[in-house]
Amino acid sequence: LNCVQLDKNVVNGDIRSYVEATLEQKPDFVDKKLSPSILEEIRDKIGDGADGMFRWAACQLESLARCLSPKAMKEALRALPRDLNETYYRMLKNIPAEYKSSAIRLLQFLVYTKRPLTLAEAVEVIATEIDQEPRGFDVDGRLSLKADVLRYCPSLVIIAKVTNYTETVEELHLAHFSVKEYLLEQAQFDLESASIVITRTCLTYLGDIENNCSTIKSDFPMARYAAKSWMDYAASAETSEEIVRITVSFLRNETTFQRWCRLYQADRAWDRTPGPPRAPRLYYACLGGLAGAARDLAIEGADVNAQGG
């Protein structure tokens, strides 16, 4: 493996150029008509204080851009975080209380999802309440402007336009690989905790959406994702007896079981037009490695010798 050693002085020079360009071009700075002394302080403290960390400089500029007055900007400059860890700590801490639980849940999805969430799917995550009553998915909980999802996790996520074949899709990504590295060090982002949250969100969503098979995926953008993904996390989430109970209830209920199978057949992942269930509930629980759910279904009388798949 060949590595190129970057000259920190060169990098710092590039950072200073980046800071200068941002101050000259970004409307959040230009439109405020900041005094020369504040601009110089920004150049000095961020351009010279980054110590080779482009990401640190970018985060501080984003934070300063949100300051509404010169006084607020000066106060922010006097209390700059020392490094990226402290930067991300502050970002999480400063998420408004009314957004906090949804923001953390959204970040848990982004850390562990096997493919990026589309912007429309991210909006559905926010509109699904799993922590407070009334629990469930609420269409009226959808953001009026999808881009407002950025308000939930300022500087931690970005919207990316991705072209797949002939279609351009907006996706929500973590803003930088270092965001994921930091979050993985936090207790609420361990695999078990995140799996419980993701499983509950997906099953709650699938339990509340209602429509005919021909329009459900267009009317409910996260339907296919939730149907395909919940089992990926449910096995890790079974340390929670509540998850086992929710899973068994979901599989046992004829409406949700049929809806899930018509959206996605777990043993026919390639099939884009799945039909009704092809096997009993116990088969699917075993297929997904859901030992707790399989146990409870068997106790309730599921035929362990039934054929399926």
Protein backbone atom coordinates (compact mmCIF):
# COMPACT_ATOMS: atom_id res chain seq x y z
CA LEU A 1 0.00 0.00 0.00
CA ASN A 2 1.46 3.33 -1.10
CA CYS A 3 0.64 6.37 1.05
CA VAL A 4 1.22 10.00 0.21
CA GLN A 5 2.29 12.12 3.17
CA LEU A 6 0.55 15.48 2.99
CA ASP A 7 2.50 18.56 4.02
CA LYS A 8 0.44 20.13 6.82
CA ASN A 9 1.62 23.61 5.83
CA VAL A 10 0.28 23.05 2.32
CA VAL A 11 -3.02 21.73 3.71
CA ASN A 12 -3.33 24.69 6.07
CA GLY A 13 -2.75 27.00 3.13
CA ASP A 14 -5.55 25.28 1.25
CA ILE A 15 -7.82 25.62 4.29
CA ARG A 16 -7.12 29.34 4.52
CA SER A 17 -7.97 29.69 0.83
CA TYR A 18 -11.18 27.74 1.43
CA VAL A 19 -12.13 29.99 4.35
CA GLU A 20 -11.41 33.10 2.30
CA ALA A 21 -13.50 31.84 -0.63
CA THR A 22 -16.39 30.96 1.68
CA LEU A 23 -16.41 34.40 3.27
CA GLU A 24 -16.35 36.06 -0.16
CA GLN A 25 -18.97 33.87 -1.84
CA LYS A 26 -21.39 32.33 0.67
CA PRO A 27 -24.54 34.49 0.97
CA ASP A 28 -24.78 33.72 4.70
CA PHE A 29 -21.63 35.79 5.15
CA VAL A 30 -21.77 38.23 2.22
CA ASP A 31 -25.34 39.37 2.87
CA LYS A 32 -24.60 40.17 6.51
CA LYS A 33 -22.01 42.78 5.49
CA LEU A 34 -19.70 41.80 8.32
CA SER A 35 -17.09 44.26 9.54
CA PRO A 36 -13.47 43.82 8.40
CA SER A 37 -12.46 43.02 11.99
CA ILE A 38 -14.90 40.09 12.26
CA LEU A 39 -13.87 38.76 8.86
CA GLU A 40 -10.22 38.94 9.89
CA GLU A 41 -10.98 37.13 13.14
CA ILE A 42 -12.74 34.35 11.22
CA ARG A 43 -9.75 34.02 8.88
CA ASP A 44 -7.34 33.86 11.81
CA LYS A 45 -9.24 31.56 14.16
CA ILE A 46 -10.60 29.13 11.58
CA GLY A 47 -8.08 29.41 8.78
CA ASP A 48 -5.12 29.19 11.17
CA GLY A 49 -6.78 27.09 13.87
CA ALA A 50 -7.84 24.13 11.75
CA ASP A 51 -4.47 22.39 12.17
CA GLY A 52 -4.85 20.48 8.93
CA MET A 53 -8.51 19.49 9.50
CA PHE A 54 -10.63 20.62 6.55
CA ARG A 55 -13.75 19.09 8.10
CA TRP A 56 -13.25 21.03 11.34
CA ALA A 57 -12.98 24.30 9.41
CA ALA A 58 -16.08 23.50 7.35
CA CYS A 59 -18.12 22.74 10.48
CA GLN A 60 -17.12 25.99 12.17
CA LEU A 61 -18.01 28.01 9.09
CA GLU A 62 -21.42 26.32 8.94
CA SER A 63 -21.96 27.12 12.60
CA LEU A 64 -20.93 30.76 12.15
CA ALA A 65 -23.20 31.07 9.11
CA ARG A 66 -26.18 30.35 11.36
CA CYS A 67 -25.31 33.20 13.75
CA LEU A 68 -27.90 35.96 13.46
CA SER A 69 -25.86 38.89 14.78
CA PRO A 70 -22.24 40.08 14.97
CA LYS A 71 -22.41 39.61 18.75
CA ALA A 72 -23.43 35.96 18.38
CA MET A 73 -20.66 35.42 15.85
CA LYS A 74 -18.03 36.93 18.15
CA GLU A 75 -19.22 34.74 21.02
CA ALA A 76 -19.00 31.66 18.80
CA LEU A 77 -15.47 32.58 17.74
CA ARG A 78 -14.43 32.90 21.38
CA ALA A 79 -15.68 29.40 22.16
CA LEU A 80 -14.65 27.32 19.15
CA PRO A 81 -14.49 23.56 19.82
CA ARG A 82 -11.01 22.10 20.08
CA ASP A 83 -11.46 19.20 17.67
CA LEU A 84 -14.00 17.21 15.66
CA ASN A 85 -15.16 15.15 18.63
CA GLU A 86 -16.09 18.27 20.57
CA THR A 87 -17.64 19.73 17.41
CA TYR A 88 -19.94 16.73 16.95
CA TYR A 89 -20.71 16.61 20.67
CA ARG A 90 -21.97 20.19 20.49
CA MET A 91 -23.96 19.50 17.33
CA LEU A 92 -25.86 16.69 19.02
CA LYS A 93 -26.31 18.67 22.22
CA ASN A 94 -27.67 21.69 20.33
CA ILE A 95 -30.38 19.82 18.43
CA PRO A 96 -33.65 21.49 19.52
CA ALA A 97 -35.53 19.46 22.14
CA GLU A 98 -38.61 19.05 19.94
CA TYR A 99 -36.47 17.45 17.21
CA LYS A 100 -34.12 15.44 19.42
CA SER A 101 -35.70 11.96 19.48
CA SER A 102 -36.50 12.03 15.75
CA ALA A 103 -33.02 13.33 14.94
CA ILE A 104 -31.28 10.60 16.93
CA ARG A 105 -33.50 7.96 15.32
CA LEU A 106 -32.75 9.30 11.86
CA LEU A 107 -29.01 9.21 12.59
CA GLN A 108 -29.32 5.62 13.83
CA PHE A 109 -30.85 4.70 10.48
CA LEU A 110 -28.08 6.47 8.57
CA VAL A 111 -25.31 4.82 10.59
CA TYR A 112 -26.60 1.28 10.03
CA THR A 113 -28.65 1.32 6.84
CA LYS A 114 -27.41 -1.00 4.11
CA ARG A 115 -28.24 1.59 1.48
CA PRO A 116 -28.74 5.35 1.81
CA LEU A 117 -32.22 6.57 2.69
CA THR A 118 -33.93 8.60 0.03
CA LEU A 119 -35.05 12.02 1.19
CA ALA A 120 -38.68 10.85 0.99
CA GLU A 121 -37.89 7.83 3.20
CA ALA A 122 -36.17 10.05 5.75
CA VAL A 123 -39.31 12.18 5.95
CA GLU A 124 -41.34 9.03 6.70
CA VAL A 125 -38.94 8.09 9.51
CA ILE A 126 -39.56 11.46 11.14
CA ALA A 127 -43.33 11.10 10.69
CA THR A 128 -43.33 7.75 12.54
CA GLU A 129 -43.57 8.22 16.31
CA ILE A 130 -42.33 5.33 18.45
CA ASP A 131 -41.45 7.04 21.73
CA GLN A 132 -44.48 9.08 22.78
CA GLU A 133 -48.24 8.72 22.58
CA PRO A 134 -49.93 8.72 20.20
CA ARG A 135 -47.51 6.25 18.63
CA GLY A 136 -47.68 5.43 14.96
CA PHE A 137 -47.20 6.86 11.49
CA ASP A 138 -49.03 10.12 10.84
CA VAL A 139 -49.31 11.57 7.33
CA ASP A 140 -49.71 15.00 8.89
CA GLY A 141 -46.33 14.49 10.55
CA ARG A 142 -44.60 14.65 7.19
CA LEU A 143 -42.43 17.72 6.68
CA SER A 144 -44.04 20.24 4.34
CA LEU A 145 -40.63 20.81 2.76
CA LYS A 146 -38.51 17.67 2.51
CA ALA A 147 -35.30 19.70 2.69
CA ASP A 148 -36.25 20.76 6.22
CA VAL A 149 -34.94 17.37 7.32
CA LEU A 150 -31.58 19.19 7.50
CA ARG A 151 -32.93 21.21 10.43
CA TYR A 152 -33.08 18.04 12.51
CA CYS A 153 -29.36 17.31 12.24
CA PRO A 154 -27.57 20.53 11.22
CA SER A 155 -24.13 19.89 9.70
CA LEU A 156 -24.39 16.16 10.48
CA VAL A 157 -26.28 15.21 7.31
CA ILE A 158 -26.40 16.37 3.72
CA ILE A 159 -28.76 15.93 0.79
CA ALA A 160 -27.08 14.30 -2.21
CA LYS A 161 -28.50 13.98 -5.72
CA VAL A 162 -27.69 10.54 -7.08
CA THR A 163 -28.38 9.38 -10.64
CA ASN A 164 -29.35 5.73 -11.05
CA TYR A 165 -29.62 4.87 -14.73
CA THR A 166 -32.11 7.51 -15.96
CA GLU A 167 -33.52 8.56 -12.58
CA THR A 168 -32.09 11.20 -10.27
CA VAL A 169 -32.93 10.61 -6.61
CA GLU A 170 -32.30 12.81 -3.58
CA GLU A 171 -30.69 10.85 -0.75
CA LEU A 172 -29.84 11.74 2.82
CA HIS A 173 -26.22 10.99 3.73
CA LEU A 174 -24.09 11.50 6.79
CA ALA A 175 -22.11 14.65 6.07
CA HIS A 176 -18.68 13.02 6.46
CA PHE A 177 -17.17 9.64 7.34
CA SER A 178 -15.96 11.14 10.63
CA VAL A 179 -19.60 11.71 11.66
CA LYS A 180 -20.21 7.97 11.53
CA GLU A 181 -16.96 7.28 13.39
CA TYR A 182 -18.00 9.65 16.18
CA LEU A 183 -21.57 8.34 16.45
CA LEU A 184 -20.40 4.73 16.68
CA GLU A 185 -18.54 5.67 19.86
CA GLN A 186 -21.77 6.87 21.52
CA ALA A 187 -23.85 4.43 23.60
CA GLN A 188 -27.15 5.08 21.83
CA PHE A 189 -25.56 4.17 18.52
CA ASP A 190 -24.44 0.66 19.42
CA LEU A 191 -25.86 -2.03 17.14
CA GLU A 192 -28.36 -3.38 19.66
CA SER A 193 -29.87 -0.01 20.58
CA ALA A 194 -30.08 1.13 16.97
CA SER A 195 -31.54 -2.21 15.84
CA ILE A 196 -34.34 -1.93 18.40
CA VAL A 197 -35.21 1.57 17.19
CA ILE A 198 -35.02 0.70 13.48
CA THR A 199 -37.11 -2.46 13.91
CA ARG A 200 -39.80 -0.64 15.91
CA THR A 201 -39.92 2.18 13.37
CA CYS A 202 -40.26 -0.14 10.37
CA LEU A 203 -42.92 -2.36 11.99
CA THR A 204 -44.88 0.63 13.28
CA TYR A 205 -44.82 2.18 9.81
CA LEU A 206 -45.89 -1.04 8.08
CA GLY A 207 -48.68 -1.47 10.61
CA ASP A 208 -50.16 1.97 9.96
CA ILE A 209 -50.00 2.43 6.19
CA GLU A 210 -53.13 1.48 4.31
CA ASN A 211 -53.77 1.44 0.59
CA ASN A 212 -54.28 -0.91 -2.30
CA CYS A 213 -51.29 -2.83 -3.59
CA SER A 214 -50.98 -0.82 -6.79
CA THR A 215 -50.41 2.55 -5.09
CA ILE A 216 -49.00 1.74 -1.66
CA LYS A 217 -45.37 2.18 -2.73
CA SER A 218 -46.02 5.55 -4.36
CA ASP A 219 -48.25 6.82 -1.55
CA PHE A 220 -45.92 5.59 1.20
CA PRO A 221 -42.29 6.02 0.05
CA MET A 222 -40.77 3.96 2.86
CA ALA A 223 -43.08 0.95 2.38
CA ARG A 224 -40.69 -1.17 0.34
CA TYR A 225 -37.65 -0.15 2.39
CA ALA A 226 -39.37 -0.96 5.69
CA ALA A 227 -40.68 -4.28 4.39
CA LYS A 228 -37.25 -5.27 3.13
CA SER A 229 -35.19 -3.96 6.02
CA TRP A 230 -36.92 -4.70 9.33
CA MET A 231 -35.75 -8.32 9.45
CA ASP A 232 -32.14 -7.23 8.93
CA TYR A 233 -32.25 -5.62 12.38
CA ALA A 234 -34.87 -7.65 14.24
CA ALA A 235 -32.51 -10.50 15.20
CA SER A 236 -30.10 -8.06 16.90
CA ALA A 237 -33.10 -6.34 18.51
CA GLU A 238 -34.50 -9.51 20.11
CA THR A 239 -32.61 -8.78 23.31
CA SER A 240 -35.69 -6.61 23.88
CA GLU A 241 -38.74 -8.67 24.86
CA GLU A 242 -40.87 -5.80 23.62
CA ILE A 243 -39.41 -6.28 20.14
CA VAL A 244 -40.19 -10.00 20.32
CA ARG A 245 -43.78 -9.17 21.30
CA ILE A 246 -44.14 -6.56 18.56
CA THR A 247 -42.67 -8.93 15.96
CA VAL A 248 -44.99 -11.80 16.91
CA SER A 249 -47.99 -9.46 16.87
CA PHE A 250 -46.97 -8.16 13.44
CA LEU A 251 -46.59 -11.65 11.98
CA ARG A 252 -49.73 -12.99 13.64
CA ASN A 253 -51.94 -10.15 12.41
CA GLU A 254 -53.38 -11.18 9.05
CA THR A 255 -53.49 -7.64 7.65
CA THR A 256 -49.89 -6.71 8.43
CA PHE A 257 -48.58 -10.15 7.47
CA GLN A 258 -50.29 -9.99 4.07
CA ARG A 259 -49.18 -6.38 3.54
CA TRP A 260 -45.56 -7.22 4.31
CA CYS A 261 -45.44 -10.24 2.00
CA ARG A 262 -47.07 -8.33 -0.84
CA LEU A 263 -44.39 -5.66 -0.50
CA TYR A 264 -41.43 -8.01 -0.09
CA GLN A 265 -40.86 -11.77 0.00
CA ALA A 266 -37.92 -12.40 2.32
CA ASP A 267 -36.94 -15.59 0.48
CA ARG A 268 -37.40 -14.05 -2.99
CA ALA A 269 -35.49 -10.78 -2.67
CA TRP A 270 -35.12 -10.54 -6.44
CA ASP A 271 -38.90 -10.53 -7.02
CA ARG A 272 -40.09 -6.95 -7.58
CA THR A 273 -43.76 -8.03 -7.77
CA PRO A 274 -44.24 -10.27 -4.72
CA GLY A 275 -47.63 -11.78 -4.07
CA PRO A 276 -49.40 -13.26 -1.06
CA PRO A 277 -47.50 -15.26 1.60
CA ARG A 278 -45.95 -18.45 0.26
CA ALA A 279 -45.22 -19.97 3.66
CA PRO A 280 -46.48 -19.93 7.27
CA ARG A 281 -45.40 -17.28 9.74
CA LEU A 282 -43.04 -19.59 11.61
CA TYR A 283 -41.10 -20.18 8.39
CA TYR A 284 -40.41 -16.46 7.97
CA ALA A 285 -39.42 -16.05 11.62
CA CYS A 286 -36.89 -18.87 11.25
CA LEU A 287 -35.69 -17.51 7.91
CA GLY A 288 -34.88 -14.20 9.58
CA GLY A 289 -33.10 -15.82 12.52
CA LEU A 290 -35.75 -14.51 14.92
CA ALA A 291 -35.32 -17.09 17.65
CA GLY A 292 -37.55 -15.32 20.16
CA ALA A 293 -40.40 -14.80 17.72
CA ALA A 294 -40.12 -18.38 16.44
CA ARG A 295 -40.23 -19.67 20.02
CA ASP A 296 -43.37 -17.71 20.85
CA LEU A 297 -45.11 -18.66 17.61
CA ALA A 298 -44.37 -22.32 18.33
CA ILE A 299 -45.67 -21.97 21.90
CA GLU A 300 -48.86 -20.44 20.49
CA GLY A 301 -49.37 -23.53 18.36
CA ALA A 302 -47.64 -22.87 15.04
CA ASP A 303 -47.06 -26.12 13.14
CA VAL A 304 -43.32 -26.76 13.32
CA ASN A 305 -43.63 -29.35 10.54
CA ALA A 306 -45.43 -27.10 8.07
CA GLN A 307 -43.76 -26.78 4.68
CA GLY A 308 -42.96 -23.46 3.07
CA GLY A 309 -40.58 -21.50 0.96
